[in-house]
N, C-alpha and C. Protein backbone atom coordinates (compact mmCIF):
# COMPACT_ATOMS: atom_id res chain seq x y z
N UNK A 1 43.59 18.05 -93.29
CA UNK A 1 43.76 20.00 -92.50
C UNK A 1 45.10 20.44 -92.92
N UNK A 2 45.83 19.21 -92.51
CA UNK A 2 47.09 19.52 -92.96
C UNK A 2 47.54 20.14 -93.85
N UNK A 3 47.12 19.30 -95.12
CA UNK A 3 46.87 19.45 -96.85
C UNK A 3 46.65 21.35 -96.86
N UNK A 4 45.74 21.84 -96.54
CA UNK A 4 45.31 23.05 -96.12
C UNK A 4 46.34 24.19 -95.30
N UNK A 5 47.22 23.11 -94.70
CA UNK A 5 47.61 24.73 -93.83
C UNK A 5 49.05 24.65 -94.60
N UNK A 6 49.92 23.30 -95.24
CA UNK A 6 50.33 23.32 -96.58
C UNK A 6 50.26 24.35 -97.63
N UNK A 7 49.01 24.07 -97.86
CA UNK A 7 48.71 25.05 -99.04
C UNK A 7 48.97 26.70 -98.95
N UNK A 8 48.63 26.76 -97.84
CA UNK A 8 48.10 28.47 -97.02
C UNK A 8 50.32 28.50 -96.95
N UNK A 9 50.81 27.50 -96.41
CA UNK A 9 51.83 28.03 -96.09
C UNK A 9 52.99 28.48 -97.25
N UNK A 10 52.37 27.68 -98.59
CA UNK A 10 53.62 27.59 -99.62
C UNK A 10 52.81 29.16 -100.31
N UNK A 11 51.47 29.63 -100.47
CA UNK A 11 50.96 30.94 -100.64
C UNK A 11 51.96 31.68 -100.46
N UNK A 12 51.92 31.44 -99.17
CA UNK A 12 52.37 32.91 -98.74
C UNK A 12 54.00 33.05 -98.30
N UNK A 13 54.61 31.97 -98.56
CA UNK A 13 55.76 31.80 -99.36
C UNK A 13 55.80 32.18 -100.72
N UNK A 14 54.97 32.13 -101.67
CA UNK A 14 55.04 31.86 -103.18
C UNK A 14 55.22 33.96 -102.33
N UNK A 15 54.36 34.32 -101.95
CA UNK A 15 53.52 35.14 -102.04
C UNK A 15 55.14 36.34 -101.07
N UNK A 16 55.93 35.66 -100.60
CA UNK A 16 57.10 36.68 -100.11
C UNK A 16 58.00 36.25 -101.02
N UNK A 17 58.33 35.62 -102.18
CA UNK A 17 59.28 35.70 -102.59
C UNK A 17 59.12 36.29 -103.60
N UNK A 18 58.24 36.59 -103.97
CA UNK A 18 57.67 37.53 -105.03
C UNK A 18 57.28 39.14 -104.85
N UNK A 19 57.10 39.15 -103.73
CA UNK A 19 57.45 40.74 -102.99
C UNK A 19 59.01 41.35 -102.80
N UNK A 20 59.86 39.85 -102.82
CA UNK A 20 61.23 39.98 -102.30
C UNK A 20 61.51 40.40 -104.01
N UNK A 21 61.67 39.52 -104.46
CA UNK A 21 62.10 39.69 -106.24
C UNK A 21 61.40 41.16 -106.63
N UNK A 22 60.54 41.42 -106.26
CA UNK A 22 59.64 43.47 -106.79
C UNK A 22 60.96 43.61 -106.41
N UNK A 23 60.68 43.84 -104.60
CA UNK A 23 61.56 45.12 -104.11
C UNK A 23 63.64 44.75 -105.27
N UNK A 24 64.57 43.64 -105.07
CA UNK A 24 65.45 43.50 -105.52
C UNK A 24 64.87 44.36 -107.07
N UNK A 25 64.48 43.95 -108.13
CA UNK A 25 63.91 44.66 -108.98
C UNK A 25 63.73 45.88 -109.12
N UNK A 26 62.78 46.07 -107.81
CA UNK A 26 62.84 47.86 -107.88
C UNK A 26 64.52 48.20 -107.90
N UNK A 27 65.26 47.40 -106.89
CA UNK A 27 66.56 48.79 -107.01
C UNK A 27 67.33 48.68 -108.35
N UNK A 28 67.12 47.29 -108.75
CA UNK A 28 67.81 47.61 -110.18
C UNK A 28 68.01 48.35 -111.22
N UNK A 29 66.81 48.18 -111.48
CA UNK A 29 65.82 48.82 -112.44
C UNK A 29 65.77 50.19 -111.86
N UNK A 30 65.23 51.08 -111.42
CA UNK A 30 65.69 52.56 -110.39
C UNK A 30 66.88 52.43 -110.87
N UNK A 31 67.53 51.87 -110.68
CA UNK A 31 68.89 52.29 -110.81
C UNK A 31 69.88 52.62 -111.95
N UNK A 32 69.50 52.30 -113.16
CA UNK A 32 69.62 51.48 -113.74
C UNK A 32 69.14 52.50 -115.18
N UNK A 33 67.50 52.92 -114.91
CA UNK A 33 67.04 53.63 -116.00
C UNK A 33 66.65 55.10 -114.49
N UNK A 34 66.13 55.22 -113.54
CA UNK A 34 65.54 56.56 -112.71
C UNK A 34 64.71 56.70 -113.05
N UNK A 35 64.38 57.57 -111.83
CA UNK A 35 63.16 57.41 -111.71
C UNK A 35 61.89 57.39 -112.47
N UNK A 36 61.92 58.47 -112.91
CA UNK A 36 61.13 59.05 -114.00
C UNK A 36 61.11 58.32 -115.46
N UNK A 37 61.89 57.57 -115.84
CA UNK A 37 61.93 56.78 -117.23
C UNK A 37 61.61 55.34 -116.06
N UNK A 38 61.41 54.74 -115.53
CA UNK A 38 61.04 53.68 -114.97
C UNK A 38 60.15 53.48 -114.14
N UNK A 39 58.46 52.23 -115.08
CA UNK A 39 57.55 51.92 -115.12
C UNK A 39 57.18 50.74 -114.45
N UNK A 40 56.42 50.90 -114.01
CA UNK A 40 55.47 49.46 -112.95
C UNK A 40 56.18 48.48 -113.76
N UNK A 41 55.70 48.54 -115.33
CA UNK A 41 56.15 47.52 -116.32
C UNK A 41 57.02 47.23 -116.35
N UNK A 42 57.95 48.08 -116.33
CA UNK A 42 59.62 47.50 -115.94
C UNK A 42 59.96 46.70 -114.96
N UNK A 43 59.35 47.00 -114.08
CA UNK A 43 60.17 46.03 -112.70
C UNK A 43 59.31 45.39 -112.91
N UNK A 44 57.98 44.67 -112.70
CA UNK A 44 57.38 44.10 -112.94
C UNK A 44 58.26 42.94 -114.03
N UNK A 45 58.40 43.44 -115.50
CA UNK A 45 59.08 42.39 -116.12
C UNK A 45 60.71 41.55 -115.53
N UNK A 46 60.91 43.02 -115.00
CA UNK A 46 62.70 42.28 -114.39
C UNK A 46 62.27 40.94 -113.56
N UNK A 47 61.12 41.46 -112.43
CA UNK A 47 60.70 40.68 -111.12
C UNK A 47 60.27 38.91 -111.93
N UNK A 48 59.94 38.72 -113.10
CA UNK A 48 58.74 37.67 -114.08
C UNK A 48 58.11 37.42 -112.90
N UNK A 49 56.87 39.04 -112.68
CA UNK A 49 55.99 39.50 -112.04
C UNK A 49 54.48 39.67 -112.82
N UNK A 50 54.02 38.64 -113.71
CA UNK A 50 53.02 39.42 -113.84
C UNK A 50 52.48 41.31 -113.36
N UNK A 51 52.01 42.22 -114.13
CA UNK A 51 52.41 43.64 -114.51
C UNK A 51 50.59 43.56 -112.79
N UNK A 52 50.16 43.05 -113.74
CA UNK A 52 48.94 42.79 -112.55
C UNK A 52 49.09 42.33 -111.58
N UNK A 53 50.01 41.48 -110.92
CA UNK A 53 50.24 40.65 -109.88
C UNK A 53 50.75 41.94 -108.76
N UNK A 54 51.62 42.72 -109.50
CA UNK A 54 52.39 44.07 -108.87
C UNK A 54 52.00 44.41 -107.70
N UNK A 55 50.35 44.91 -108.84
CA UNK A 55 49.37 45.43 -107.60
C UNK A 55 48.61 45.49 -106.30
N UNK A 56 49.84 43.87 -105.75
CA UNK A 56 48.47 43.19 -104.53
C UNK A 56 49.85 43.68 -102.97
N UNK A 57 50.54 44.14 -103.83
CA UNK A 57 52.25 44.16 -103.12
C UNK A 57 53.02 46.00 -103.37
N UNK A 58 51.85 46.65 -104.04
CA UNK A 58 53.06 47.23 -104.44
C UNK A 58 51.40 48.70 -104.99
N UNK A 59 51.29 49.54 -104.51
CA UNK A 59 49.79 49.94 -105.41
C UNK A 59 50.61 51.11 -106.04
N UNK A 60 51.98 51.37 -105.46
CA UNK A 60 52.09 53.23 -107.05
C UNK A 60 53.42 51.96 -106.81
N UNK A 61 54.14 53.40 -107.60
CA UNK A 61 55.07 53.66 -108.51
C UNK A 61 56.58 54.09 -107.13
N UNK A 62 56.08 55.09 -106.20
CA UNK A 62 56.54 55.23 -105.41
C UNK A 62 56.45 54.10 -103.99
N UNK A 63 56.25 53.60 -103.96
CA UNK A 63 55.42 52.34 -103.72
C UNK A 63 56.70 51.68 -103.74
N UNK A 64 56.95 51.51 -104.99
CA UNK A 64 58.31 50.80 -105.41
C UNK A 64 59.84 50.92 -105.63
N UNK A 65 59.44 52.63 -105.84
CA UNK A 65 61.17 53.47 -105.47
C UNK A 65 61.30 52.82 -103.91
N UNK A 66 60.19 52.91 -102.98
CA UNK A 66 60.31 53.27 -101.68
C UNK A 66 60.98 51.80 -101.54
N UNK A 67 60.90 50.49 -102.39
CA UNK A 67 61.48 49.81 -102.22
C UNK A 67 62.91 49.62 -102.39
N UNK A 68 63.02 50.01 -102.97
CA UNK A 68 63.41 50.11 -103.46
C UNK A 68 65.27 50.40 -102.86
N UNK A 69 64.80 51.63 -101.54
CA UNK A 69 65.46 51.96 -100.98
C UNK A 69 65.81 50.85 -99.59
N UNK A 70 64.29 50.25 -99.32
CA UNK A 70 64.72 49.82 -98.45
C UNK A 70 65.39 48.17 -98.30
N UNK A 71 65.89 47.74 -100.44
CA UNK A 71 66.35 46.55 -101.28
C UNK A 71 68.44 47.35 -100.74
N UNK A 72 67.72 48.48 -100.88
CA UNK A 72 69.06 49.19 -100.97
C UNK A 72 69.32 49.35 -99.74
N UNK A 73 68.98 49.93 -97.99
CA UNK A 73 69.29 49.51 -96.82
C UNK A 73 69.90 47.80 -96.79
N UNK A 74 68.83 46.93 -97.27
CA UNK A 74 69.30 45.57 -96.54
C UNK A 74 70.43 44.81 -97.15
N UNK A 75 70.84 45.79 -98.66
CA UNK A 75 71.72 45.06 -99.01
C UNK A 75 73.22 45.77 -98.71
N UNK A 76 73.19 46.72 -97.96
CA UNK A 76 74.00 47.50 -97.10
C UNK A 76 74.53 46.54 -95.69
N UNK A 77 72.98 46.43 -95.34
CA UNK A 77 72.75 45.99 -94.19
C UNK A 77 74.06 44.36 -93.68
N UNK A 78 73.81 43.74 -94.91
CA UNK A 78 74.78 42.26 -95.88
C UNK A 78 75.87 42.88 -95.47
N UNK A 79 75.97 43.80 -95.67
CA UNK A 79 77.82 44.24 -96.51
C UNK A 79 77.99 44.21 -95.27
N UNK A 80 77.38 45.45 -94.50
CA UNK A 80 78.40 45.66 -93.16
C UNK A 80 78.22 44.40 -91.71
N UNK A 81 77.29 43.31 -91.88
CA UNK A 81 76.80 42.65 -91.03
C UNK A 81 78.51 41.60 -91.36
N UNK A 82 78.48 41.52 -92.62
CA UNK A 82 79.84 40.16 -92.96
C UNK A 82 81.34 40.99 -92.43
N UNK A 83 81.34 42.66 -92.66
CA UNK A 83 82.49 43.36 -92.64
C UNK A 83 82.47 43.42 -90.64
N UNK A 84 81.76 43.49 -89.80
CA UNK A 84 81.54 43.54 -88.98
C UNK A 84 81.96 41.93 -88.01
N UNK A 85 82.39 40.80 -89.13
CA UNK A 85 82.90 39.40 -88.29
C UNK A 85 84.82 39.84 -88.56
N UNK A 86 85.15 40.54 -89.13
CA UNK A 86 86.73 41.15 -89.20
C UNK A 86 86.95 42.06 -87.52
N UNK A 87 87.59 41.75 -86.99
CA UNK A 87 88.28 41.77 -85.50
C UNK A 87 89.04 43.13 -85.55
N UNK A 88 89.12 44.26 -87.14
CA UNK A 88 89.66 45.26 -86.50
C UNK A 88 89.14 46.24 -87.15
N UNK A 89 88.96 47.78 -86.67
CA UNK A 89 87.71 48.75 -87.41
C UNK A 89 88.60 49.06 -88.66
N UNK A 90 89.93 49.06 -88.27
CA UNK A 90 90.77 49.84 -89.81
C UNK A 90 90.43 48.32 -91.28
N UNK A 91 90.21 47.29 -90.60
CA UNK A 91 90.21 46.17 -91.41
C UNK A 91 88.41 46.43 -92.02
N UNK A 92 88.20 46.82 -91.23
CA UNK A 92 86.73 46.67 -91.72
C UNK A 92 86.70 48.35 -92.41
N UNK A 93 86.96 48.70 -92.33
CA UNK A 93 86.45 50.43 -93.26
C UNK A 93 87.33 49.71 -94.72
N UNK A 94 88.63 49.34 -95.00
CA UNK A 94 89.24 49.12 -95.90
C UNK A 94 88.42 48.16 -97.11
N UNK A 95 87.38 47.13 -95.85
CA UNK A 95 86.78 46.10 -96.74
C UNK A 95 85.57 47.01 -97.51
N UNK A 96 85.28 47.73 -96.54
CA UNK A 96 84.07 48.63 -96.86
C UNK A 96 84.76 49.48 -98.61
N UNK A 97 85.77 50.28 -98.87
CA UNK A 97 86.53 50.87 -100.05
C UNK A 97 86.61 49.28 -100.06
N UNK A 98 86.97 48.16 -100.72
CA UNK A 98 87.48 47.24 -101.19
C UNK A 98 86.07 46.61 -102.00
N UNK A 99 84.63 47.08 -101.74
CA UNK A 99 83.75 46.56 -101.80
C UNK A 99 82.95 47.23 -102.55
N UNK A 100 83.17 48.66 -102.36
CA UNK A 100 82.93 49.87 -103.68
C UNK A 100 83.25 49.84 -104.91
N UNK A 101 84.75 49.71 -104.87
CA UNK A 101 85.22 49.60 -106.04
C UNK A 101 85.20 48.44 -106.59
N UNK A 102 84.92 46.66 -105.91
CA UNK A 102 84.55 46.09 -106.90
C UNK A 102 83.04 45.90 -108.22
N UNK A 103 82.61 47.14 -107.36
CA UNK A 103 81.53 48.35 -107.89
C UNK A 103 82.09 49.44 -109.33
N UNK A 104 83.13 49.41 -110.03
CA UNK A 104 83.14 49.56 -110.39
C UNK A 104 82.71 49.89 -111.85
N UNK A 105 82.93 48.71 -112.23
CA UNK A 105 81.73 48.71 -113.79
C UNK A 105 80.88 49.62 -113.91
N UNK A 106 79.56 48.47 -112.13
CA UNK A 106 78.89 49.26 -112.97
C UNK A 106 78.16 50.62 -111.92
N UNK A 107 79.67 50.89 -111.15
CA UNK A 107 79.32 52.44 -111.15
C UNK A 107 79.77 53.67 -112.36
N UNK A 108 80.37 52.82 -113.29
CA UNK A 108 80.77 53.54 -114.21
C UNK A 108 79.79 53.51 -115.36
N UNK A 109 78.87 52.45 -114.91
CA UNK A 109 76.80 52.35 -115.94
C UNK A 109 76.53 53.45 -115.29
N UNK A 110 76.14 53.22 -114.08
CA UNK A 110 74.94 53.83 -113.96
C UNK A 110 75.50 54.34 -112.13
N UNK A 111 76.31 55.02 -111.58
CA UNK A 111 76.55 55.91 -110.54
C UNK A 111 76.27 54.82 -109.27
N UNK A 112 76.35 55.56 -107.95
CA UNK A 112 76.21 55.16 -106.72
C UNK A 112 74.36 54.92 -106.67
N UNK A 113 74.35 53.36 -106.35
CA UNK A 113 72.82 52.97 -106.01
C UNK A 113 72.63 54.50 -105.45
N UNK A 114 72.37 54.16 -104.34
CA UNK A 114 71.36 55.27 -103.56
C UNK A 114 72.19 57.07 -104.09
N UNK A 115 73.19 57.07 -103.94
CA UNK A 115 73.63 58.24 -104.43
C UNK A 115 72.73 58.63 -105.21
N UNK A 116 72.91 58.58 -106.64
CA UNK A 116 71.93 58.73 -108.01
C UNK A 116 70.42 58.67 -107.22
N UNK A 117 69.78 57.74 -106.76
CA UNK A 117 68.77 58.15 -106.20
C UNK A 117 68.10 58.89 -105.31
N UNK A 118 69.25 59.73 -104.58
CA UNK A 118 68.85 60.23 -103.31
C UNK A 118 69.22 62.25 -104.08
N UNK A 119 70.32 62.24 -105.04
CA UNK A 119 70.35 63.04 -105.86
C UNK A 119 68.83 62.98 -106.79
N UNK A 120 68.04 61.35 -107.36
CA UNK A 120 66.82 62.73 -108.26
C UNK A 120 65.90 62.12 -107.36
N UNK A 121 65.69 62.02 -106.27
CA UNK A 121 64.75 62.05 -105.42
C UNK A 121 64.35 64.18 -104.84
N UNK A 122 65.50 63.99 -104.46
CA UNK A 122 66.02 65.61 -104.01
C UNK A 122 65.54 66.65 -105.09
N UNK A 123 64.89 66.58 -106.48
CA UNK A 123 64.51 67.10 -107.31
C UNK A 123 62.87 66.86 -107.23
N UNK A 124 62.40 66.07 -105.99
CA UNK A 124 60.66 66.15 -106.77
C UNK A 124 60.35 67.10 -105.97
N UNK A 125 59.04 67.49 -106.22
CA UNK A 125 58.63 69.11 -104.93
C UNK A 125 57.67 67.75 -104.09
N UNK A 126 58.00 66.84 -103.85
CA UNK A 126 56.78 65.84 -103.40
C UNK A 126 56.84 64.17 -102.75
N UNK A 127 56.46 64.16 -102.31
CA UNK A 127 56.62 62.69 -101.62
C UNK A 127 57.93 61.59 -100.40
N UNK A 128 58.09 62.60 -100.18
CA UNK A 128 58.74 62.89 -98.96
C UNK A 128 60.40 60.81 -98.95
N UNK A 129 60.16 61.05 -100.20
CA UNK A 129 61.26 60.05 -101.10
C UNK A 129 62.32 60.13 -100.55
N UNK A 130 62.46 61.77 -101.00
CA UNK A 130 64.37 61.81 -100.66
C UNK A 130 64.34 62.01 -99.17
N UNK A 131 63.79 61.30 -98.27
CA UNK A 131 63.83 61.75 -96.64
C UNK A 131 64.35 60.08 -96.61
N UNK A 132 63.70 59.44 -97.19
CA UNK A 132 63.58 58.31 -96.88
C UNK A 132 65.15 58.06 -97.59
N UNK A 133 65.44 58.47 -98.46
CA UNK A 133 67.15 58.02 -99.33
C UNK A 133 68.24 58.16 -98.27
N UNK A 134 67.73 59.75 -97.63
CA UNK A 134 68.98 60.47 -97.09
C UNK A 134 68.74 58.74 -95.60
N UNK A 135 67.78 58.47 -94.88
CA UNK A 135 67.97 57.47 -94.48
C UNK A 135 69.51 56.24 -94.88
N UNK A 136 68.84 56.08 -95.74
CA UNK A 136 69.94 55.13 -96.02
C UNK A 136 71.76 55.60 -96.21
N UNK A 137 70.92 56.93 -96.25
CA UNK A 137 72.72 57.48 -95.64
C UNK A 137 73.29 57.49 -94.93
N UNK A 138 72.47 57.67 -94.75
CA UNK A 138 72.79 57.64 -92.70
C UNK A 138 73.15 56.83 -92.17
N UNK A 139 72.65 55.71 -92.44
CA UNK A 139 73.14 54.20 -92.06
C UNK A 139 74.43 53.96 -91.85
N UNK A 140 74.36 54.11 -93.81
CA UNK A 140 76.35 53.59 -94.28
C UNK A 140 77.19 54.59 -93.33
N UNK A 141 76.67 55.93 -93.33
CA UNK A 141 77.28 56.96 -92.19
C UNK A 141 77.68 56.61 -90.25
N UNK A 142 76.94 56.22 -90.51
CA UNK A 142 76.76 55.68 -88.41
C UNK A 142 77.99 54.60 -88.52
N UNK A 143 77.09 53.65 -89.59
CA UNK A 143 78.21 52.50 -89.21
C UNK A 143 79.71 52.46 -89.86
N UNK A 144 79.85 53.62 -90.32
CA UNK A 144 81.45 53.93 -91.02
C UNK A 144 82.11 54.85 -89.45
N UNK A 145 81.23 55.80 -88.36
CA UNK A 145 81.55 56.62 -87.37
C UNK A 145 81.52 55.35 -86.95
N UNK A 146 80.85 54.87 -86.77
CA UNK A 146 81.43 54.13 -85.36
C UNK A 146 82.85 53.32 -85.70
N UNK A 147 83.12 52.61 -87.38
CA UNK A 147 84.09 52.72 -87.10
C UNK A 147 85.31 53.26 -86.53
N UNK A 148 85.32 54.26 -87.08
CA UNK A 148 86.10 55.26 -86.59
C UNK A 148 86.69 55.65 -84.95
N UNK A 149 85.02 55.25 -84.54
CA UNK A 149 84.85 55.88 -83.12
C UNK A 149 86.61 54.73 -82.21
N UNK A 150 85.41 53.42 -82.78
CA UNK A 150 86.35 52.19 -82.04
C UNK A 150 88.13 52.35 -82.59
N UNK A 151 88.33 52.65 -83.73
CA UNK A 151 88.97 52.85 -84.17
C UNK A 151 90.09 53.93 -83.36
N UNK A 152 89.71 54.58 -82.40
CA UNK A 152 90.17 55.65 -80.91
C UNK A 152 90.18 56.77 -81.89
N UNK A 153 89.80 57.51 -83.14
CA UNK A 153 90.37 58.45 -83.68
C UNK A 153 89.36 59.90 -83.21
N UNK A 154 89.65 60.80 -83.66
CA UNK A 154 89.10 61.87 -82.45
C UNK A 154 88.15 62.85 -84.05
N UNK A 155 87.11 63.45 -83.82
CA UNK A 155 86.07 63.46 -84.71
C UNK A 155 85.57 62.53 -85.93
N UNK A 156 85.46 61.18 -85.60
CA UNK A 156 84.79 59.92 -85.56
C UNK A 156 83.85 59.80 -86.89
N UNK A 157 82.78 61.62 -86.76
CA UNK A 157 81.24 61.87 -87.12
C UNK A 157 82.04 62.80 -88.22
N UNK A 158 82.86 63.38 -88.48
CA UNK A 158 83.71 63.95 -89.53
C UNK A 158 84.26 63.35 -90.73
N UNK A 159 85.08 62.21 -89.60
CA UNK A 159 85.50 61.34 -91.26
C UNK A 159 85.35 60.59 -91.67
N UNK A 160 83.87 60.39 -91.11
CA UNK A 160 82.74 59.30 -91.66
C UNK A 160 82.64 60.13 -92.89
N UNK A 161 81.94 61.14 -92.78
CA UNK A 161 81.34 62.73 -93.67
C UNK A 161 82.74 62.21 -94.57
N UNK A 162 84.27 62.56 -94.41
CA UNK A 162 84.94 62.19 -95.47
C UNK A 162 85.11 61.54 -96.21
N UNK A 163 84.88 59.83 -95.87
CA UNK A 163 85.25 58.75 -96.52
C UNK A 163 84.24 58.04 -96.58
N UNK A 164 83.22 58.90 -96.60
CA UNK A 164 81.43 58.60 -97.92
C UNK A 164 81.30 59.56 -98.33
N UNK A 165 82.48 60.75 -98.04
CA UNK A 165 81.61 62.36 -99.55
C UNK A 165 82.82 61.20 -100.39
N UNK A 166 83.73 61.58 -100.25
CA UNK A 166 84.91 60.50 -101.25
C UNK A 166 84.28 58.92 -101.77
N UNK A 167 83.79 58.40 -101.01
CA UNK A 167 82.80 57.49 -102.13
C UNK A 167 81.57 58.50 -102.64
N UNK A 168 81.79 59.28 -102.95
CA UNK A 168 80.81 59.42 -103.75
C UNK A 168 80.63 60.61 -105.03
N UNK A 169 81.58 61.39 -104.31
CA UNK A 169 82.17 61.43 -105.10
C UNK A 169 83.56 61.01 -106.17
N UNK A 170 83.77 59.85 -105.74
CA UNK A 170 84.59 58.88 -107.05
C UNK A 170 83.74 58.10 -107.83
N UNK A 171 82.44 58.08 -106.86
CA UNK A 171 81.68 57.10 -107.69
C UNK A 171 81.02 58.13 -109.10
N UNK A 172 80.47 59.36 -108.33
CA UNK A 172 80.01 60.33 -109.63
C UNK A 172 81.43 60.56 -111.17
N UNK A 173 82.61 61.06 -110.82
CA UNK A 173 83.51 60.91 -111.60
C UNK A 173 83.12 60.02 -112.89
N UNK A 174 83.10 58.06 -111.70
CA UNK A 174 83.13 57.00 -112.33
C UNK A 174 82.53 56.87 -113.36
N UNK A 175 81.54 57.74 -112.91
CA UNK A 175 80.16 57.21 -114.54
C UNK A 175 80.19 58.82 -115.52
N UNK A 176 80.43 59.49 -114.48
CA UNK A 176 80.95 60.96 -115.81
C UNK A 176 81.52 60.36 -116.67
N UNK A 177 82.79 59.71 -115.86
CA UNK A 177 83.87 59.92 -117.61
C UNK A 177 83.73 58.20 -118.00
N UNK A 178 82.45 57.31 -117.34
CA UNK A 178 82.19 56.52 -117.66
C UNK A 178 84.33 55.10 -117.27
N UNK A 179 84.65 55.53 -116.66
CA UNK A 179 85.59 54.82 -116.19
C UNK A 179 86.05 54.62 -114.98
N UNK A 180 86.46 52.87 -114.60
CA UNK A 180 86.08 52.13 -113.66
C UNK A 180 87.71 52.11 -112.86
N UNK A 181 88.36 52.84 -113.99
CA UNK A 181 89.64 52.60 -113.26
C UNK A 181 89.92 54.08 -112.36
N UNK A 182 88.92 54.64 -112.04
CA UNK A 182 88.93 56.13 -111.22
C UNK A 182 88.75 55.75 -110.19
N UNK A 183 87.33 54.56 -109.76
CA UNK A 183 87.17 53.55 -108.59
C UNK A 183 88.05 53.78 -108.71
N UNK A 184 89.17 52.21 -109.64
CA UNK A 184 90.16 52.08 -108.49
C UNK A 184 91.27 53.01 -108.29
N UNK A 185 91.31 53.83 -108.77
CA UNK A 185 92.32 54.25 -108.13
C UNK A 185 92.94 55.40 -107.21
N UNK A 186 90.55 55.39 -106.63
CA UNK A 186 90.69 56.26 -105.75
C UNK A 186 90.31 55.48 -104.10
N UNK A 187 90.30 54.20 -105.36
CA UNK A 187 89.81 53.20 -103.80
C UNK A 187 91.12 52.93 -103.09
N UNK A 188 92.59 53.26 -103.99
CA UNK A 188 94.03 53.19 -103.09
C UNK A 188 94.44 53.82 -102.59
N UNK A 189 93.83 54.93 -102.71
CA UNK A 189 93.91 56.19 -102.19
C UNK A 189 93.33 56.42 -100.84
N UNK A 190 92.29 55.69 -100.52
CA UNK A 190 91.51 55.51 -99.57
C UNK A 190 91.56 54.89 -98.61
N UNK A 191 92.69 53.61 -99.61
CA UNK A 191 93.13 52.56 -98.67
C UNK A 191 94.46 52.54 -98.13
N UNK A 192 94.84 54.30 -98.92
CA UNK A 192 96.65 54.34 -98.12
C UNK A 192 96.08 55.65 -96.83
N UNK A 193 95.25 56.44 -97.17
CA UNK A 193 94.45 56.62 -95.54
C UNK A 193 94.17 57.02 -94.80
N UNK A 194 93.69 55.18 -94.44
CA UNK A 194 93.13 54.79 -93.27
C UNK A 194 93.99 54.07 -92.47
N UNK A 195 95.40 53.50 -93.76
CA UNK A 195 96.47 52.74 -93.06
C UNK A 195 97.20 53.73 -92.44
N UNK A 196 97.08 55.29 -92.96
CA UNK A 196 97.78 56.20 -92.68
C UNK A 196 97.39 56.73 -90.87
N UNK A 197 95.92 56.24 -90.76
CA UNK A 197 95.87 56.62 -88.92
C UNK A 197 96.37 55.83 -88.30
N UNK A 198 96.43 57.16 -87.65
CA UNK A 198 97.47 56.13 -85.64
C UNK A 198 96.14 55.32 -85.15
N UNK A 199 96.82 54.36 -84.59
CA UNK A 199 95.49 53.74 -83.47
C UNK A 199 96.04 54.66 -82.01
N UNK A 200 94.77 54.49 -82.42
CA UNK A 200 94.86 55.28 -81.00
C UNK A 200 94.62 54.76 -79.50
């Protein structure tokens, strides 16, 4: 009896691990190739899952793109949870900028994972995935806004738009110029700006 239960438990664990691998691979492959150039077979290969098995977890490519967005949200949550361990909101914001800068080489090759995906999905006529991409960006904006509010800054939502907009801009330029030093230089400028904000 317990062997049957163990067998079912291990199958469920294997299924969960496959689903997780597919989500992570979908996020990576779609970031590198874009939605239109990515096939289900590309994601299956990256996840080391047989193509036929993918349909057990995700019925369509759009389902995999939605999974990629879920993975972006999960990664953002892991980052902000880690930053939330810092006692000072200014240091949390500076940690966020440092995390962005650390991805400079990746941004030079492919741009911002969520930003480039949101821009691509916005050009599609249907599907609603553009709205889902916007929700991931909204998660980031809301977290940044909370930090500015905790700093006692006036107009925290405006400051959040400024910071996240600066990140999207520097990611775009880093990618367009294929130059990760753009990210470094602009990151330094953002850190200096955050340091210049008066504590209230």
